[in-house]
Amino acid sequence: MFDFIPVAIYTNVQYFIILGIILVILLYAMTGQLQNPSGLQSLNTFGWFFVVIFTLYMGLRQVHWVFGDTFNYNKAYQRLLEGQEITITKDYLFNYMMVFSSKFMSVNSFFLLVDVLYIVPVVLFSRKYFGSYWFIAFIMFAGSFSFWSYGVNGLRNGLGTALFILALYFYDRKWLMYLCLGMSYFMHASLMIPIAAFILSGLYKNPKIYLIIWVASIPLSLAGGSTWSNFFSSLGFAEDRTQGYLTGGEEFMDQFSQTGFRWDFLIYSASAVYIGWFFIFKKKITDPLYIHIFGVYCITNAFWILVITAAFSNRFAYLSWFLMPVVFAYPMFRYKIWDNQYKTFSVILLLYFMFTFYMNVIK
């Protein structure tokens, strides 16, 4: 469908479009259109159009190595189309979905299905918790640093986090929430980390403790180096591929452009910790869901900081990063925090996206 766009610029095209949309949102905020029902309605009408086109654009990409594991998933899917059988020992939900889909779908249709399932929970979550401002929240998700990557490369991780977002959508319906959490684990076993953090922060609801855990993880990581990666791997808490992310050596280096202690990513992660601290401790936001999510973010991000020097640690970073739009946006659309609140948030949205734009387009 979009084959006329050269694969070399395919990813960058969507970043430029998102940048343009964010600049329009900034203009709407500065001119008062976000408080104007007709202006907001026009933005949301465009929002539905964008969601559909964005989903098609992501899902109907070319099968090419530039999209990372798209190429490898295609090879596995082609074997299924040829009638070969595969032995499934992990990530049961994803693998059986792939086997089932191969009976009547082309690989392009399968990739589109994956990205529909990836994006719909984000839309549902945004609609439920942000109301008339849902599209602005959705753009914050779409403009997050790794959102595109986990829709075209780390598909199992991406779908796992999408199911986690769906669990938050069902936060007031516990049986559905826990069902979605279980499904997220069987989509990709690495989701056991945010699930464990979710259970822990739900049992012990003290944001100060989680803030301390996050801060303490930095000197512990600097002092421990690769010791932490080896320690967590030795516990055998995850399936083989996840352990490989922790202990992997040269075979993974080309997947992660720079290893070692990533100060740039740490600063990026710290922005969500700071904003959560600001809302909870300075602005006295006591919303149970927000405090719960803040705890999940701090614990999961602290785990990533401990293994930050490992090759492929970006896979663990996303287990907290996918919650960053929630940490940033949730209080701003549910509570009065500043005068000219929407102007302030539109500036924050632009700055938030510019990290993504710099790292993926400029750098």
Protein backbone atom coordinates (compact mmCIF):
# COMPACT_ATOMS: atom_id res chain seq x y z
CA MET A 1 0.00 0.00 0.00
CA PHE A 2 2.85 2.37 0.82
CA ASP A 3 5.49 0.73 -1.38
CA PHE A 4 5.96 3.99 -3.26
CA ILE A 5 7.78 5.39 -0.19
CA PRO A 6 11.46 4.36 -0.28
CA VAL A 7 12.27 2.00 2.56
CA ALA A 8 15.30 4.14 3.51
CA ILE A 9 13.05 7.04 4.56
CA TYR A 10 9.93 5.07 5.53
CA THR A 11 10.46 5.36 9.27
CA ASN A 12 11.52 9.01 9.17
CA VAL A 13 8.38 9.99 7.25
CA GLN A 14 6.16 9.12 10.20
CA TYR A 15 8.43 11.02 12.59
CA PHE A 16 8.14 14.17 10.46
CA ILE A 17 4.35 13.77 10.30
CA ILE A 18 4.12 13.38 14.09
CA LEU A 19 6.32 16.46 14.50
CA GLY A 20 3.94 18.41 12.26
CA ILE A 21 0.93 17.24 14.28
CA ILE A 22 2.58 18.22 17.56
CA LEU A 23 3.34 21.68 16.16
CA VAL A 24 -0.34 22.01 15.21
CA ILE A 25 -1.33 20.98 18.75
CA LEU A 26 1.09 23.63 20.07
CA LEU A 27 -0.55 26.22 17.80
CA TYR A 28 -4.02 25.15 18.96
CA ALA A 29 -2.92 25.48 22.59
CA MET A 30 -1.34 28.90 22.12
CA THR A 31 -4.42 30.28 20.33
CA GLY A 32 -6.92 28.83 22.81
CA GLN A 33 -8.38 26.32 20.35
CA LEU A 34 -7.90 23.42 22.76
CA GLN A 35 -10.49 25.00 25.04
CA ASN A 36 -12.77 25.67 22.09
CA PRO A 37 -15.19 22.74 21.55
CA SER A 38 -15.20 23.19 17.77
CA GLY A 39 -11.41 23.37 17.60
CA LEU A 40 -11.07 20.29 19.79
CA GLN A 41 -13.66 18.45 17.70
CA SER A 42 -11.78 19.17 14.47
CA LEU A 43 -8.56 17.90 16.06
CA ASN A 44 -10.24 14.69 17.23
CA THR A 45 -11.86 14.11 13.83
CA PHE A 46 -8.42 14.32 12.27
CA GLY A 47 -7.22 12.06 15.09
CA TRP A 48 -9.39 9.16 13.95
CA PHE A 49 -8.11 9.59 10.41
CA PHE A 50 -4.52 9.62 11.66
CA VAL A 51 -4.97 6.52 13.82
CA VAL A 52 -6.27 4.54 10.83
CA ILE A 53 -3.55 5.73 8.44
CA PHE A 54 -0.82 5.33 11.07
CA THR A 55 -1.93 1.75 11.78
CA LEU A 56 -1.99 0.91 8.06
CA TYR A 57 1.37 2.61 7.54
CA MET A 58 2.99 0.62 10.32
CA GLY A 59 1.27 -2.68 9.57
CA LEU A 60 1.65 -2.67 5.77
CA ARG A 61 5.35 -1.81 5.73
CA GLN A 62 7.61 -3.64 3.32
CA VAL A 63 9.26 -6.83 4.51
CA HIS A 64 12.81 -5.54 4.76
CA TRP A 65 15.78 -5.90 7.08
CA VAL A 66 15.63 -2.15 7.86
CA PHE A 67 12.62 -2.98 10.06
CA GLY A 68 14.66 -5.34 12.20
CA ASP A 69 12.87 -8.51 13.24
CA THR A 70 10.16 -7.99 10.62
CA PHE A 71 12.57 -9.84 8.34
CA ASN A 72 12.99 -12.73 10.79
CA TYR A 73 9.28 -13.01 11.59
CA ASN A 74 8.63 -13.16 7.86
CA LYS A 75 11.01 -16.12 7.48
CA ALA A 76 9.26 -17.98 10.29
CA TYR A 77 5.84 -17.18 8.83
CA GLN A 78 6.89 -18.37 5.38
CA ARG A 79 7.82 -21.73 6.87
CA LEU A 80 4.34 -21.99 8.34
CA LEU A 81 2.78 -21.08 4.99
CA GLU A 82 4.78 -23.91 3.42
CA GLY A 83 3.22 -26.33 5.90
CA GLN A 84 6.20 -26.81 8.17
CA GLU A 85 5.52 -27.37 11.84
CA ILE A 86 7.26 -25.49 14.63
CA THR A 87 7.85 -26.52 18.23
CA ILE A 88 6.38 -23.96 20.63
CA THR A 89 7.96 -23.80 24.07
CA LYS A 90 7.54 -20.13 24.99
CA ASP A 91 5.55 -16.98 24.19
CA TYR A 92 2.60 -19.28 23.59
CA LEU A 93 0.04 -16.59 22.82
CA PHE A 94 2.08 -14.95 20.08
CA ASN A 95 3.32 -18.18 18.53
CA TYR A 96 -0.09 -19.86 18.42
CA MET A 97 -1.56 -16.66 17.01
CA MET A 98 1.04 -16.82 14.25
CA VAL A 99 0.31 -20.50 13.57
CA PHE A 100 -3.45 -19.86 13.47
CA SER A 101 -3.09 -16.78 11.24
CA SER A 102 -0.90 -18.64 8.75
CA LYS A 103 -3.85 -20.89 7.88
CA PHE A 104 -5.70 -18.07 6.13
CA MET A 105 -3.57 -14.87 6.17
CA SER A 106 -0.64 -13.61 4.15
CA VAL A 107 2.37 -12.33 6.06
CA ASN A 108 1.40 -8.74 5.25
CA SER A 109 -2.07 -9.29 6.71
CA PHE A 110 -0.49 -10.85 9.79
CA PHE A 111 1.78 -7.84 10.35
CA LEU A 112 -1.24 -5.57 9.98
CA LEU A 113 -3.17 -7.66 12.53
CA VAL A 114 -0.24 -7.39 14.96
CA ASP A 115 -0.18 -3.62 14.68
CA VAL A 116 -3.95 -3.29 15.04
CA LEU A 117 -3.64 -5.24 18.29
CA TYR A 118 -0.67 -3.05 19.24
CA ILE A 119 -2.42 0.28 18.67
CA VAL A 120 -6.05 -0.38 19.69
CA PRO A 121 -5.30 -0.74 23.45
CA VAL A 122 -3.53 2.64 23.36
CA VAL A 123 -6.57 4.22 21.72
CA LEU A 124 -8.93 2.62 24.25
CA PHE A 125 -6.76 3.74 27.18
CA SER A 126 -6.51 7.29 25.82
CA ARG A 127 -10.25 7.51 25.21
CA LYS A 128 -11.12 6.27 28.69
CA TYR A 129 -8.74 8.36 30.77
CA PHE A 130 -8.26 11.50 28.66
CA GLY A 131 -11.76 12.01 27.23
CA SER A 132 -11.95 14.81 24.69
CA TYR A 133 -8.17 15.12 24.75
CA TRP A 134 -7.58 11.49 23.80
CA PHE A 135 -5.82 12.25 20.54
CA ILE A 136 -3.21 14.44 22.25
CA ALA A 137 -2.47 11.56 24.64
CA PHE A 138 -2.32 9.12 21.72
CA ILE A 139 0.21 11.32 19.93
CA MET A 140 2.35 11.26 23.06
CA PHE A 141 2.31 7.46 22.91
CA ALA A 142 3.03 7.39 19.17
CA GLY A 143 5.82 9.93 19.58
CA SER A 144 7.55 8.00 22.34
CA PHE A 145 11.13 6.95 21.72
CA SER A 146 10.56 3.25 21.04
CA PHE A 147 6.88 3.10 20.06
CA TRP A 148 7.56 2.67 16.34
CA SER A 149 10.36 0.20 16.95
CA TYR A 150 8.16 -2.15 18.96
CA GLY A 151 5.51 -2.08 16.27
CA VAL A 152 7.89 -3.13 13.49
CA ASN A 153 10.83 -4.82 15.22
CA GLY A 154 10.21 -6.22 18.72
CA LEU A 155 6.69 -7.38 17.92
CA ARG A 156 6.28 -9.75 20.85
CA ASN A 157 7.53 -7.15 23.32
CA GLY A 158 5.25 -4.56 21.74
CA LEU A 159 2.15 -6.73 21.93
CA GLY A 160 3.00 -7.67 25.50
CA THR A 161 3.14 -4.02 26.55
CA ALA A 162 -0.07 -3.30 24.60
CA LEU A 163 -1.85 -5.97 26.64
CA PHE A 164 -0.43 -4.38 29.80
CA ILE A 165 -1.95 -1.05 28.70
CA LEU A 166 -5.22 -2.91 28.09
CA ALA A 167 -4.99 -4.23 31.66
CA LEU A 168 -4.78 -0.62 32.89
CA TYR A 169 -7.84 0.16 30.77
CA PHE A 170 -9.67 -2.52 32.81
CA TYR A 171 -8.23 -1.26 36.11
CA ASP A 172 -11.72 -1.01 37.62
CA ARG A 173 -12.66 -4.53 36.44
CA LYS A 174 -10.12 -6.69 38.22
CA TRP A 175 -10.77 -10.05 36.61
CA LEU A 176 -10.33 -8.56 33.13
CA MET A 177 -7.27 -6.66 34.31
CA TYR A 178 -5.54 -9.80 35.59
CA LEU A 179 -6.59 -11.71 32.49
CA CYS A 180 -4.85 -9.10 30.32
CA LEU A 181 -1.77 -9.19 32.54
CA GLY A 182 -1.60 -12.96 32.15
CA MET A 183 -2.00 -12.65 28.39
CA SER A 184 0.80 -10.08 28.27
CA TYR A 185 3.15 -12.58 29.94
CA PHE A 186 2.25 -15.32 27.46
CA MET A 187 2.74 -12.86 24.63
CA HIS A 188 6.32 -12.20 25.80
CA ALA A 189 7.87 -13.56 28.98
CA SER A 190 9.82 -10.36 29.72
CA LEU A 191 6.51 -8.80 30.79
CA MET A 192 6.92 -10.70 34.05
CA ILE A 193 9.06 -7.75 35.19
CA PRO A 194 6.38 -5.01 34.96
CA ILE A 195 3.74 -7.52 36.12
CA ALA A 196 5.78 -8.25 39.25
CA ALA A 197 6.26 -4.51 39.74
CA PHE A 198 2.51 -4.00 39.30
CA ILE A 199 1.71 -6.56 41.99
CA LEU A 200 4.33 -5.18 44.38
CA SER A 201 3.32 -1.53 43.98
CA GLY A 202 -0.33 -2.54 44.36
CA LEU A 203 0.34 -4.27 47.66
CA TYR A 204 2.58 -1.56 49.10
CA LYS A 205 1.35 1.86 48.01
CA ASN A 206 4.13 4.14 49.14
CA PRO A 207 5.58 6.23 46.28
CA LYS A 208 8.50 7.39 48.45
CA ILE A 209 9.83 3.83 48.62
CA TYR A 210 9.70 3.46 44.85
CA LEU A 211 11.42 6.78 44.38
CA ILE A 212 14.19 5.65 46.74
CA ILE A 213 14.50 2.33 44.87
CA TRP A 214 14.94 4.19 41.58
CA VAL A 215 17.54 6.63 42.94
CA ALA A 216 19.47 3.83 44.67
CA SER A 217 19.66 1.81 41.45
CA ILE A 218 22.01 4.38 39.85
CA PRO A 219 24.99 4.06 42.23
CA LEU A 220 24.35 0.33 42.53
CA SER A 221 24.57 -0.01 38.76
CA LEU A 222 27.70 2.13 38.53
CA ALA A 223 29.37 0.10 41.27
CA GLY A 224 28.21 -3.31 40.11
CA GLY A 225 28.63 -3.04 36.35
CA SER A 226 27.95 -6.33 34.57
CA THR A 227 27.65 -8.15 37.92
CA TRP A 228 23.96 -7.33 38.03
CA SER A 229 23.34 -8.71 34.54
CA ASN A 230 25.07 -11.95 35.45
CA PHE A 231 23.22 -12.14 38.77
CA PHE A 232 19.73 -11.75 37.30
CA SER A 233 20.57 -14.18 34.52
CA SER A 234 21.77 -16.78 37.04
CA LEU A 235 18.43 -16.67 38.85
CA GLY A 236 16.78 -18.19 35.79
CA PHE A 237 13.74 -15.95 36.22
CA ALA A 238 13.14 -15.54 32.49
CA GLU A 239 13.06 -17.61 29.35
CA ASP A 240 16.20 -18.22 27.32
CA ARG A 241 15.93 -15.25 25.00
CA THR A 242 15.46 -12.79 27.87
CA GLN A 243 18.52 -14.20 29.61
CA GLY A 244 20.37 -13.80 26.33
CA TYR A 245 19.56 -10.10 26.37
CA LEU A 246 21.27 -9.86 29.75
CA THR A 247 24.41 -11.85 29.02
CA GLY A 248 24.66 -11.50 25.26
CA GLY A 249 27.99 -10.40 23.86
CA GLU A 250 29.22 -9.51 20.41
CA GLU A 251 26.34 -11.23 18.63
CA PHE A 252 24.00 -8.52 19.93
CA MET A 253 26.20 -5.49 19.51
CA ASP A 254 24.86 -4.59 16.08
CA GLN A 255 21.35 -4.47 17.56
CA PHE A 256 22.23 -1.74 20.03
CA SER A 257 24.39 1.04 18.62
CA GLN A 258 26.11 1.87 21.90
CA THR A 259 26.57 -0.22 25.01
CA GLY A 260 27.86 0.77 28.42
CA PHE A 261 26.22 3.10 30.91
CA ARG A 262 23.79 5.14 28.84
CA TRP A 263 23.58 8.56 30.47
CA ASP A 264 21.40 9.88 27.65
CA PHE A 265 18.80 7.16 28.23
CA LEU A 266 19.08 7.60 31.99
CA ILE A 267 18.25 11.31 31.66
CA TYR A 268 15.34 10.40 29.40
CA SER A 269 14.07 7.91 31.99
CA ALA A 270 14.63 10.38 34.82
CA SER A 271 12.29 12.90 33.19
CA ALA A 272 9.32 10.63 33.99
CA VAL A 273 10.56 10.06 37.54
CA TYR A 274 10.87 13.81 38.03
CA ILE A 275 7.43 14.56 36.60
CA GLY A 276 5.88 11.84 38.79
CA TRP A 277 7.66 13.24 41.84
CA PHE A 278 6.41 16.72 40.94
CA PHE A 279 2.78 15.66 40.59
CA ILE A 280 2.67 13.36 43.62
CA PHE A 281 4.84 15.19 46.15
CA LYS A 282 4.57 18.83 45.04
CA LYS A 283 1.07 18.97 43.59
CA LYS A 284 -0.31 16.35 46.02
CA ILE A 285 -1.94 14.13 43.41
CA THR A 286 -3.30 11.13 45.33
CA ASP A 287 -5.00 9.31 42.46
CA PRO A 288 -4.59 5.56 43.26
CA LEU A 289 -4.12 4.55 39.62
CA TYR A 290 -1.46 7.19 39.03
CA ILE A 291 0.48 6.28 42.17
CA HIS A 292 0.24 2.60 41.17
CA ILE A 293 1.60 3.31 37.68
CA PHE A 294 4.36 5.51 39.10
CA GLY A 295 5.44 2.61 41.30
CA VAL A 296 5.49 0.23 38.33
CA TYR A 297 7.57 2.69 36.33
CA CYS A 298 10.13 3.29 39.08
CA ILE A 299 10.62 -0.39 39.88
CA THR A 300 10.82 -1.52 36.27
CA ASN A 301 13.10 1.32 35.24
CA ALA A 302 15.33 0.62 38.24
CA PHE A 303 15.69 -2.96 37.01
CA TRP A 304 16.79 -1.66 33.61
CA ILE A 305 19.31 0.71 35.23
CA LEU A 306 20.88 -2.24 37.05
CA VAL A 307 21.41 -4.09 33.75
CA ILE A 308 22.05 -0.97 31.67
CA THR A 309 25.52 -2.08 30.55
CA ALA A 310 24.22 -5.31 28.99
CA ALA A 311 23.87 -5.59 25.24
CA PHE A 312 20.19 -5.44 24.27
CA SER A 313 19.31 -3.68 27.52
CA ASN A 314 17.07 -1.46 25.38
CA ARG A 315 14.60 -4.36 25.46
CA PHE A 316 14.40 -3.97 29.22
CA ALA A 317 14.23 -0.19 28.99
CA TYR A 318 11.01 -0.43 26.99
CA LEU A 319 9.42 -2.39 29.81
CA SER A 320 9.23 0.92 31.66
CA TRP A 321 9.36 3.43 28.80
CA PHE A 322 6.01 2.34 27.40
CA LEU A 323 4.45 3.83 30.56
CA MET A 324 6.12 7.24 30.19
CA PRO A 325 3.21 8.87 28.30
CA VAL A 326 0.89 7.83 31.14
CA VAL A 327 3.22 9.21 33.81
CA PHE A 328 3.47 12.52 31.94
CA ALA A 329 -0.06 13.03 30.67
CA TYR A 330 -2.45 11.43 33.16
CA PRO A 331 -2.50 14.21 35.83
CA MET A 332 -2.47 17.02 33.27
CA PHE A 333 -5.78 16.00 31.74
CA ARG A 334 -7.53 15.02 34.97
CA TYR A 335 -6.45 17.70 37.45
CA LYS A 336 -5.94 21.45 37.48
CA ILE A 337 -2.21 21.92 37.95
CA TRP A 338 -1.18 25.18 36.25
CA ASP A 339 -2.72 28.29 34.81
CA ASN A 340 -2.66 27.98 31.03
CA GLN A 341 -2.38 24.25 31.56
CA TYR A 342 -2.79 23.19 27.94
CA LYS A 343 -0.12 25.62 26.79
CA THR A 344 2.26 24.15 29.34
CA PHE A 345 1.47 20.60 28.34
CA SER A 346 1.84 21.31 24.61
CA VAL A 347 5.36 22.60 25.29
CA ILE A 348 6.13 19.50 27.39
CA LEU A 349 4.76 17.32 24.57
CA LEU A 350 7.06 19.00 22.04
CA LEU A 351 10.12 18.64 24.29
CA TYR A 352 9.23 15.01 25.02
CA PHE A 353 8.99 14.21 21.32
CA MET A 354 12.17 16.07 20.41
CA PHE A 355 14.23 13.42 22.25
CA THR A 356 12.62 10.83 19.97
CA PHE A 357 13.17 12.99 16.92
CA TYR A 358 16.80 13.71 17.77
CA MET A 359 17.72 10.10 18.56
CA ASN A 360 15.89 8.56 15.58
CA VAL A 361 16.13 11.20 12.87
CA ILE A 362 18.86 13.75 13.57
CA LYS A 363 21.42 11.56 15.32
